[in-house]
Amino acid sequence: MGVEVKDRQLTLRQIEDKLPGVRSKGVRELLFLVQGGIFPDDTGQVDDLIEREFTTGQNLYVLEFQRFVESCLALLGETGRRGFLIEVGIELDRQREDISHRRKWKDLLTRL
């Protein structure tokens, strides 16, 4: 499964641009985690594209990042959530992420 994370609304163009690359790698499942959903003017066309792609065996999913994370964290339980937070901190350190990214992560966590 491929996962594409967007910190803004998803557009039809973004999906169309991503499809050739995932197809060439044999990826049949593609999950878009987005903030703000699908760009309103593109909603109908995105829904049609998802349906067309499904009939060819290409499965596309669009989920709100916030709801996805909330659901996953609930399923992980207390121990799993703690481990997840530790692993994210380790990865932020490993990637030497800027303090602005760390603050965004902290802000996201406080909204959960």
C-alpha atoms as a PDB file:
ATOM      1  CA  MET A   1       0.000   0.000   0.000  1.00  0.00           C
ATOM      2  CA  GLY A   2       1.183   3.487  -0.840  1.00  0.00           C
ATOM      3  CA  VAL A   3       0.412   6.405   1.449  1.00  0.00           C
ATOM      4  CA  GLU A   4       0.478  10.054   0.450  1.00  0.00           C
ATOM      5  CA  VAL A   5       0.086  12.653   3.209  1.00  0.00           C
ATOM      6  CA  LYS A   6      -1.133  16.135   2.296  1.00  0.00           C
ATOM      7  CA  ASP A   7      -1.283  19.076   4.691  1.00  0.00           C
ATOM      8  CA  ARG A   8      -3.961  20.709   2.546  1.00  0.00           C
ATOM      9  CA  GLN A   9      -7.005  19.769   0.497  1.00  0.00           C
ATOM     10  CA  LEU A  10      -6.549  17.067  -2.118  1.00  0.00           C
ATOM     11  CA  THR A  11      -7.089  17.958  -5.775  1.00  0.00           C
ATOM     12  CA  LEU A  12      -7.945  15.827  -8.765  1.00  0.00           C
ATOM     13  CA  ARG A  13      -4.644  16.842 -10.359  1.00  0.00           C
ATOM     14  CA  GLN A  14      -2.627  15.550  -7.393  1.00  0.00           C
ATOM     15  CA  ILE A  15      -4.274  12.135  -7.670  1.00  0.00           C
ATOM     16  CA  GLU A  16      -3.842  12.015 -11.438  1.00  0.00           C
ATOM     17  CA  ASP A  17      -0.174  12.968 -11.093  1.00  0.00           C
ATOM     18  CA  LYS A  18       0.433  10.237  -8.505  1.00  0.00           C
ATOM     19  CA  LEU A  19      -1.248   7.342 -10.331  1.00  0.00           C
ATOM     20  CA  PRO A  20       1.345   6.611 -13.062  1.00  0.00           C
ATOM     21  CA  GLY A  21       4.145   6.264 -10.516  1.00  0.00           C
ATOM     22  CA  VAL A  22       2.272   3.913  -8.216  1.00  0.00           C
ATOM     23  CA  ARG A  23       1.058   1.838 -11.158  1.00  0.00           C
ATOM     24  CA  SER A  24       4.612   1.477 -12.468  1.00  0.00           C
ATOM     25  CA  LYS A  25       5.662   0.124  -9.058  1.00  0.00           C
ATOM     26  CA  GLY A  26       2.770  -2.344  -8.931  1.00  0.00           C
ATOM     27  CA  VAL A  27       1.080  -0.587  -6.014  1.00  0.00           C
ATOM     28  CA  ARG A  28      -2.632  -1.487  -6.080  1.00  0.00           C
ATOM     29  CA  GLU A  29      -3.741   0.343  -2.923  1.00  0.00           C
ATOM     30  CA  LEU A  30      -3.155   4.079  -2.500  1.00  0.00           C
ATOM     31  CA  LEU A  31      -4.236   5.972   0.599  1.00  0.00           C
ATOM     32  CA  PHE A  32      -4.352   9.763   0.635  1.00  0.00           C
ATOM     33  CA  LEU A  33      -4.324  11.198   4.160  1.00  0.00           C
ATOM     34  CA  VAL A  34      -5.356  14.819   3.833  1.00  0.00           C
ATOM     35  CA  GLN A  35      -6.218  17.835   5.903  1.00  0.00           C
ATOM     36  CA  GLY A  36      -9.368  19.573   4.728  1.00  0.00           C
ATOM     37  CA  GLY A  37     -10.733  16.774   2.565  1.00  0.00           C
ATOM     38  CA  ILE A  38     -11.055  17.002  -1.183  1.00  0.00           C
ATOM     39  CA  PHE A  39     -10.977  20.417  -2.852  1.00  0.00           C
ATOM     40  CA  PRO A  40     -14.718  21.210  -3.202  1.00  0.00           C
ATOM     41  CA  ASP A  41     -14.631  21.931  -6.959  1.00  0.00           C
ATOM     42  CA  ASP A  42     -12.994  18.523  -7.553  1.00  0.00           C
ATOM     43  CA  THR A  43     -15.178  16.337  -5.319  1.00  0.00           C
ATOM     44  CA  GLY A  44     -17.404  14.890  -8.051  1.00  0.00           C
ATOM     45  CA  GLN A  45     -14.509  14.233 -10.403  1.00  0.00           C
ATOM     46  CA  VAL A  46     -12.438  12.627  -7.639  1.00  0.00           C
ATOM     47  CA  ASP A  47     -15.350  10.356  -6.709  1.00  0.00           C
ATOM     48  CA  ASP A  48     -15.731   9.358 -10.374  1.00  0.00           C
ATOM     49  CA  LEU A  49     -11.990   8.699 -10.690  1.00  0.00           C
ATOM     50  CA  ILE A  50     -11.978   6.527  -7.563  1.00  0.00           C
ATOM     51  CA  GLU A  51     -14.875   4.489  -8.972  1.00  0.00           C
ATOM     52  CA  ARG A  52     -13.239   4.113 -12.409  1.00  0.00           C
ATOM     53  CA  GLU A  53      -9.910   3.110 -10.915  1.00  0.00           C
ATOM     54  CA  PHE A  54     -11.603   0.559  -8.662  1.00  0.00           C
ATOM     55  CA  THR A  55     -12.980  -1.265 -11.710  1.00  0.00           C
ATOM     56  CA  THR A  56      -9.406  -1.625 -13.010  1.00  0.00           C
ATOM     57  CA  GLY A  57      -8.119  -3.012  -9.714  1.00  0.00           C
ATOM     58  CA  GLN A  58      -6.555   0.240  -8.492  1.00  0.00           C
ATOM     59  CA  ASN A  59      -7.940   1.035  -5.042  1.00  0.00           C
ATOM     60  CA  LEU A  60      -7.820   4.677  -3.969  1.00  0.00           C
ATOM     61  CA  TYR A  61      -8.796   5.900  -0.521  1.00  0.00           C
ATOM     62  CA  VAL A  62      -9.089   9.454   0.783  1.00  0.00           C
ATOM     63  CA  LEU A  63      -9.235   9.946   4.547  1.00  0.00           C
ATOM     64  CA  GLU A  64      -9.026  12.960   6.794  1.00  0.00           C
ATOM     65  CA  PHE A  65      -5.682  12.800   8.578  1.00  0.00           C
ATOM     66  CA  GLN A  66      -7.105  13.872  11.950  1.00  0.00           C
ATOM     67  CA  ARG A  67      -9.844  11.218  11.995  1.00  0.00           C
ATOM     68  CA  PHE A  68      -7.462   8.540  10.751  1.00  0.00           C
ATOM     69  CA  VAL A  69      -4.933   9.250  13.494  1.00  0.00           C
ATOM     70  CA  GLU A  70      -7.632   9.391  16.181  1.00  0.00           C
ATOM     71  CA  SER A  71      -8.939   5.984  15.106  1.00  0.00           C
ATOM     72  CA  CYS A  72      -5.468   4.440  14.957  1.00  0.00           C
ATOM     73  CA  LEU A  73      -4.482   5.818  18.349  1.00  0.00           C
ATOM     74  CA  ALA A  74      -7.694   4.472  19.879  1.00  0.00           C
ATOM     75  CA  LEU A  75      -6.932   1.020  18.477  1.00  0.00           C
ATOM     76  CA  LEU A  76      -3.342   1.110  19.745  1.00  0.00           C
ATOM     77  CA  GLY A  77      -4.394   1.541  23.356  1.00  0.00           C
ATOM     78  CA  GLU A  78      -2.416   3.322  26.069  1.00  0.00           C
ATOM     79  CA  THR A  79       0.813   1.353  25.643  1.00  0.00           C
ATOM     80  CA  GLY A  80       0.707   1.585  21.866  1.00  0.00           C
ATOM     81  CA  ARG A  81       0.057   5.323  21.930  1.00  0.00           C
ATOM     82  CA  ARG A  82       3.011   5.896  24.226  1.00  0.00           C
ATOM     83  CA  GLY A  83       5.230   3.809  21.954  1.00  0.00           C
ATOM     84  CA  PHE A  84       3.996   5.678  18.902  1.00  0.00           C
ATOM     85  CA  LEU A  85       4.826   9.049  20.448  1.00  0.00           C
ATOM     86  CA  ILE A  86       8.296   7.834  21.389  1.00  0.00           C
ATOM     87  CA  GLU A  87       8.941   6.522  17.867  1.00  0.00           C
ATOM     88  CA  VAL A  88       7.831   9.782  16.268  1.00  0.00           C
ATOM     89  CA  GLY A  89      10.190  11.704  18.556  1.00  0.00           C
ATOM     90  CA  ILE A  90      13.042   9.367  17.629  1.00  0.00           C
ATOM     91  CA  GLU A  91      12.285   9.811  13.931  1.00  0.00           C
ATOM     92  CA  LEU A  92      12.149  13.600  14.253  1.00  0.00           C
ATOM     93  CA  ASP A  93      15.588  13.432  15.886  1.00  0.00           C
ATOM     94  CA  ARG A  94      16.938  11.034  13.267  1.00  0.00           C
ATOM     95  CA  GLN A  95      15.744  13.278  10.448  1.00  0.00           C
ATOM     96  CA  ARG A  96      17.116  16.333  12.277  1.00  0.00           C
ATOM     97  CA  GLU A  97      13.800  18.057  11.736  1.00  0.00           C
ATOM     98  CA  ASP A  98      13.523  21.775  12.265  1.00  0.00           C
ATOM     99  CA  ILE A  99      11.887  23.030  15.455  1.00  0.00           C
ATOM    100  CA  SER A 100       8.931  24.300  13.397  1.00  0.00           C
ATOM    101  CA  HIS A 101       8.088  20.700  12.419  1.00  0.00           C
ATOM    102  CA  ARG A 102       8.369  19.595  16.019  1.00  0.00           C
ATOM    103  CA  ARG A 103       5.997  22.361  17.089  1.00  0.00           C
ATOM    104  CA  LYS A 104       3.507  21.379  14.396  1.00  0.00           C
ATOM    105  CA  TRP A 105       3.696  17.784  15.665  1.00  0.00           C
ATOM    106  CA  LYS A 106       3.114  18.976  19.236  1.00  0.00           C
ATOM    107  CA  ASP A 107       0.162  21.107  18.124  1.00  0.00           C
ATOM    108  CA  LEU A 108      -1.339  18.182  16.239  1.00  0.00           C
ATOM    109  CA  LEU A 109      -1.030  15.939  19.281  1.00  0.00           C
ATOM    110  CA  THR A 110      -2.703  18.466  21.562  1.00  0.00           C
ATOM    111  CA  ARG A 111      -5.755  18.454  19.264  1.00  0.00           C
ATOM    112  CA  LEU A 112      -6.198  14.676  19.577  1.00  0.00           C
END
